[in-house]
Amino acid sequence: YKRYVDASWAPTRLAWSYDNRTAGFRVVGKGSSLRIECRIPGADCNPYLAFAAALASGLDGIRNRIEPPAVFEGDIYAAKHLPRVPYTLAQAVDQFETSDFAKAVFGEAVVEHYTHFFRTEQAAFNQSVTDWERRRYFERI
């Protein structure tokens, strides 16, 4: 989640655009190479869950005839009115846990399992003192 910082080329807000590296969803290419990039999940995600969620979201939009928002043009980092992606694991877990959509797609048992798993991971991380913290605060405190 450390990559979700404005001006980092990582998407920080929910929007789609054409060939725009500040967008979470980017339409690129032409003709037979036209594709949509979902740039929100990081390298640390479970790819099976990420793809399943993306496919389920797309199917939900088709089934319910949900119109996508207008294409965004410009610097998405400057568009403070757009919804922000979760920028901590705790925020992401809170949103996942309370998501009716996630429960409908994955089932309550899966949502409960991953909620518990990631809260356990966050607790372990919170108890860990990194080398960076040792170096930084040994000299300053």
C-alpha atoms as a PDB file:
ATOM      1  CA  TYR A   1       0.000   0.000   0.000  1.00  0.00           C
ATOM      2  CA  LYS A   2       3.000   2.287   0.220  1.00  0.00           C
ATOM      3  CA  ARG A   3       2.832   2.792  -3.540  1.00  0.00           C
ATOM      4  CA  TYR A   4      -0.551   4.581  -3.357  1.00  0.00           C
ATOM      5  CA  VAL A   5       0.971   8.045  -3.245  1.00  0.00           C
ATOM      6  CA  ASP A   6       0.121  10.867  -5.630  1.00  0.00           C
ATOM      7  CA  ALA A   7       2.664  11.520  -8.397  1.00  0.00           C
ATOM      8  CA  SER A   8       4.030   7.973  -8.124  1.00  0.00           C
ATOM      9  CA  TRP A   9       2.409   6.569 -11.296  1.00  0.00           C
ATOM     10  CA  ALA A  10       0.351   4.296  -9.038  1.00  0.00           C
ATOM     11  CA  PRO A  11      -3.407   4.865  -9.160  1.00  0.00           C
ATOM     12  CA  THR A  12      -4.763   6.621  -6.085  1.00  0.00           C
ATOM     13  CA  ARG A  13      -8.313   7.445  -7.207  1.00  0.00           C
ATOM     14  CA  LEU A  14     -11.097   5.487  -8.881  1.00  0.00           C
ATOM     15  CA  ALA A  15     -11.359   6.586 -12.494  1.00  0.00           C
ATOM     16  CA  TRP A  16     -10.807   5.300 -15.986  1.00  0.00           C
ATOM     17  CA  SER A  17      -9.094   7.001 -18.872  1.00  0.00           C
ATOM     18  CA  TYR A  18      -7.427   6.457 -22.221  1.00  0.00           C
ATOM     19  CA  ASP A  19      -3.665   5.878 -22.063  1.00  0.00           C
ATOM     20  CA  ASN A  20      -3.385   7.745 -18.753  1.00  0.00           C
ATOM     21  CA  ARG A  21      -0.933   6.313 -16.229  1.00  0.00           C
ATOM     22  CA  THR A  22      -2.623   8.127 -13.348  1.00  0.00           C
ATOM     23  CA  ALA A  23      -5.824   6.102 -13.892  1.00  0.00           C
ATOM     24  CA  GLY A  24      -6.733   2.942 -12.032  1.00  0.00           C
ATOM     25  CA  PHE A  25      -8.357   1.615 -15.191  1.00  0.00           C
ATOM     26  CA  ARG A  26      -6.532   2.470 -18.385  1.00  0.00           C
ATOM     27  CA  VAL A  27      -7.685   1.742 -21.935  1.00  0.00           C
ATOM     28  CA  VAL A  28      -4.655   1.316 -24.184  1.00  0.00           C
ATOM     29  CA  GLY A  29      -3.823   0.029 -27.633  1.00  0.00           C
ATOM     30  CA  LYS A  30      -5.708   0.022 -30.898  1.00  0.00           C
ATOM     31  CA  GLY A  31      -7.487  -2.531 -33.011  1.00  0.00           C
ATOM     32  CA  SER A  32      -6.713  -6.104 -32.020  1.00  0.00           C
ATOM     33  CA  SER A  33      -4.330  -4.923 -29.277  1.00  0.00           C
ATOM     34  CA  LEU A  34      -6.979  -2.787 -27.517  1.00  0.00           C
ATOM     35  CA  ARG A  35      -7.161  -3.732 -23.847  1.00  0.00           C
ATOM     36  CA  ILE A  36      -8.107  -2.512 -20.379  1.00  0.00           C
ATOM     37  CA  GLU A  37      -5.475  -2.423 -17.661  1.00  0.00           C
ATOM     38  CA  CYS A  38      -6.649  -2.683 -14.080  1.00  0.00           C
ATOM     39  CA  ARG A  39      -3.737  -0.996 -12.327  1.00  0.00           C
ATOM     40  CA  ILE A  40      -5.078  -0.942  -8.775  1.00  0.00           C
ATOM     41  CA  PRO A  41      -3.952  -4.338  -7.423  1.00  0.00           C
ATOM     42  CA  GLY A  42      -0.298  -4.485  -6.451  1.00  0.00           C
ATOM     43  CA  ALA A  43       2.225  -7.271  -6.859  1.00  0.00           C
ATOM     44  CA  ASP A  44       1.315  -8.452  -3.358  1.00  0.00           C
ATOM     45  CA  CYS A  45      -2.316  -9.248  -4.209  1.00  0.00           C
ATOM     46  CA  ASN A  46      -3.831 -12.688  -4.630  1.00  0.00           C
ATOM     47  CA  PRO A  47      -4.172 -12.725  -8.445  1.00  0.00           C
ATOM     48  CA  TYR A  48      -7.038 -15.222  -8.366  1.00  0.00           C
ATOM     49  CA  LEU A  49      -9.117 -13.023  -6.072  1.00  0.00           C
ATOM     50  CA  ALA A  50      -8.193  -9.866  -7.978  1.00  0.00           C
ATOM     51  CA  PHE A  51      -9.188 -11.339 -11.356  1.00  0.00           C
ATOM     52  CA  ALA A  52     -12.339 -12.902  -9.901  1.00  0.00           C
ATOM     53  CA  ALA A  53     -13.358  -9.547  -8.404  1.00  0.00           C
ATOM     54  CA  ALA A  54     -12.658  -7.713 -11.679  1.00  0.00           C
ATOM     55  CA  LEU A  55     -14.647 -10.243 -13.714  1.00  0.00           C
ATOM     56  CA  ALA A  56     -17.523 -10.250 -11.214  1.00  0.00           C
ATOM     57  CA  SER A  57     -17.617  -6.446 -11.264  1.00  0.00           C
ATOM     58  CA  GLY A  58     -17.733  -6.380 -15.047  1.00  0.00           C
ATOM     59  CA  LEU A  59     -20.476  -9.002 -15.187  1.00  0.00           C
ATOM     60  CA  ASP A  60     -22.459  -7.119 -12.543  1.00  0.00           C
ATOM     61  CA  GLY A  61     -22.220  -3.977 -14.644  1.00  0.00           C
ATOM     62  CA  ILE A  62     -23.426  -5.823 -17.739  1.00  0.00           C
ATOM     63  CA  ARG A  63     -26.266  -7.644 -15.964  1.00  0.00           C
ATOM     64  CA  ASN A  64     -27.515  -4.525 -14.207  1.00  0.00           C
ATOM     65  CA  ARG A  65     -26.843  -2.219 -17.159  1.00  0.00           C
ATOM     66  CA  ILE A  66     -24.674   0.056 -15.039  1.00  0.00           C
ATOM     67  CA  GLU A  67     -23.275   2.911 -17.082  1.00  0.00           C
ATOM     68  CA  PRO A  68     -19.612   3.630 -16.393  1.00  0.00           C
ATOM     69  CA  PRO A  69     -18.701   7.126 -15.281  1.00  0.00           C
ATOM     70  CA  ALA A  70     -17.491   9.530 -17.935  1.00  0.00           C
ATOM     71  CA  VAL A  71     -13.940   9.089 -19.163  1.00  0.00           C
ATOM     72  CA  PHE A  72     -11.520  11.181 -17.121  1.00  0.00           C
ATOM     73  CA  GLU A  73      -9.071  13.431 -18.916  1.00  0.00           C
ATOM     74  CA  GLY A  74      -6.150  15.044 -17.168  1.00  0.00           C
ATOM     75  CA  ASP A  75      -4.252  14.476 -13.948  1.00  0.00           C
ATOM     76  CA  ILE A  76      -6.264  12.141 -11.754  1.00  0.00           C
ATOM     77  CA  TYR A  77      -3.990  12.934  -8.799  1.00  0.00           C
ATOM     78  CA  ALA A  78      -5.372  16.483  -8.858  1.00  0.00           C
ATOM     79  CA  ALA A  79      -9.008  15.290  -8.941  1.00  0.00           C
ATOM     80  CA  LYS A  80      -9.673  15.301  -5.211  1.00  0.00           C
ATOM     81  CA  HIS A  81     -13.426  14.826  -5.810  1.00  0.00           C
ATOM     82  CA  LEU A  82     -12.865  11.264  -7.075  1.00  0.00           C
ATOM     83  CA  PRO A  83     -13.082   8.380  -4.591  1.00  0.00           C
ATOM     84  CA  ARG A  84      -9.689   7.337  -3.246  1.00  0.00           C
ATOM     85  CA  VAL A  85      -8.470   3.747  -3.306  1.00  0.00           C
ATOM     86  CA  PRO A  86      -7.699   2.350   0.152  1.00  0.00           C
ATOM     87  CA  TYR A  87      -4.141   3.356   0.985  1.00  0.00           C
ATOM     88  CA  THR A  88      -3.611   1.062   3.955  1.00  0.00           C
ATOM     89  CA  LEU A  89      -4.272  -2.623   4.445  1.00  0.00           C
ATOM     90  CA  ALA A  90      -6.564  -1.763   7.366  1.00  0.00           C
ATOM     91  CA  GLN A  91      -8.734   0.474   5.155  1.00  0.00           C
ATOM     92  CA  ALA A  92      -8.920  -2.183   2.440  1.00  0.00           C
ATOM     93  CA  VAL A  93      -9.898  -4.881   4.938  1.00  0.00           C
ATOM     94  CA  ASP A  94     -12.589  -2.666   6.486  1.00  0.00           C
ATOM     95  CA  GLN A  95     -14.090  -1.997   3.053  1.00  0.00           C
ATOM     96  CA  PHE A  96     -13.869  -5.675   2.035  1.00  0.00           C
ATOM     97  CA  GLU A  97     -15.479  -6.826   5.281  1.00  0.00           C
ATOM     98  CA  THR A  98     -18.483  -4.509   4.891  1.00  0.00           C
ATOM     99  CA  SER A  99     -18.915  -5.002   1.138  1.00  0.00           C
ATOM    100  CA  ASP A 100     -22.234  -6.602   0.253  1.00  0.00           C
ATOM    101  CA  PHE A 101     -20.840  -7.120  -3.244  1.00  0.00           C
ATOM    102  CA  ALA A 102     -17.827  -9.085  -1.941  1.00  0.00           C
ATOM    103  CA  LYS A 103     -20.107 -11.222   0.210  1.00  0.00           C
ATOM    104  CA  ALA A 104     -22.393 -11.941  -2.745  1.00  0.00           C
ATOM    105  CA  VAL A 105     -19.495 -12.795  -5.072  1.00  0.00           C
ATOM    106  CA  PHE A 106     -17.159 -14.709  -2.755  1.00  0.00           C
ATOM    107  CA  GLY A 107     -19.541 -15.768   0.006  1.00  0.00           C
ATOM    108  CA  GLU A 108     -19.556 -14.689   3.636  1.00  0.00           C
ATOM    109  CA  ALA A 109     -17.168 -17.470   4.705  1.00  0.00           C
ATOM    110  CA  VAL A 110     -14.477 -16.309   2.255  1.00  0.00           C
ATOM    111  CA  VAL A 111     -14.902 -12.673   3.282  1.00  0.00           C
ATOM    112  CA  GLU A 112     -14.649 -13.639   6.967  1.00  0.00           C
ATOM    113  CA  HIS A 113     -11.578 -15.814   6.285  1.00  0.00           C
ATOM    114  CA  TYR A 114      -9.640 -13.118   4.423  1.00  0.00           C
ATOM    115  CA  THR A 115     -10.742 -10.419   6.853  1.00  0.00           C
ATOM    116  CA  HIS A 116      -9.346 -12.473   9.735  1.00  0.00           C
ATOM    117  CA  PHE A 117      -6.200 -13.397   7.794  1.00  0.00           C
ATOM    118  CA  PHE A 118      -5.317  -9.834   6.826  1.00  0.00           C
ATOM    119  CA  ARG A 119      -6.104  -8.428  10.273  1.00  0.00           C
ATOM    120  CA  THR A 120      -3.714 -11.049  11.673  1.00  0.00           C
ATOM    121  CA  GLU A 121      -1.094  -9.994   9.111  1.00  0.00           C
ATOM    122  CA  GLN A 122      -1.585  -6.326  10.021  1.00  0.00           C
ATOM    123  CA  ALA A 123      -1.172  -7.109  13.724  1.00  0.00           C
ATOM    124  CA  ALA A 124       2.058  -9.014  13.018  1.00  0.00           C
ATOM    125  CA  PHE A 125       3.331  -6.139  10.877  1.00  0.00           C
ATOM    126  CA  ASN A 126       2.456  -3.598  13.571  1.00  0.00           C
ATOM    127  CA  GLN A 127       4.585  -5.532  16.080  1.00  0.00           C
ATOM    128  CA  SER A 128       7.574  -5.718  13.754  1.00  0.00           C
ATOM    129  CA  VAL A 129      10.363  -3.178  14.059  1.00  0.00           C
ATOM    130  CA  THR A 130      12.058  -2.704  10.705  1.00  0.00           C
ATOM    131  CA  ASP A 131      15.731  -2.041  10.037  1.00  0.00           C
ATOM    132  CA  TRP A 132      14.745   1.372   8.681  1.00  0.00           C
ATOM    133  CA  GLU A 133      13.061   2.260  11.997  1.00  0.00           C
ATOM    134  CA  ARG A 134      16.071   1.096  13.977  1.00  0.00           C
ATOM    135  CA  ARG A 135      18.511   3.128  11.879  1.00  0.00           C
ATOM    136  CA  ARG A 136      16.329   6.206  11.752  1.00  0.00           C
ATOM    137  CA  TYR A 137      15.291   6.428  15.381  1.00  0.00           C
ATOM    138  CA  PHE A 138      18.484   5.175  17.012  1.00  0.00           C
ATOM    139  CA  GLU A 139      20.201   8.335  15.798  1.00  0.00           C
ATOM    140  CA  ARG A 140      17.342  10.732  16.520  1.00  0.00           C
ATOM    141  CA  ILE A 141      15.926   9.684  19.843  1.00  0.00           C
END
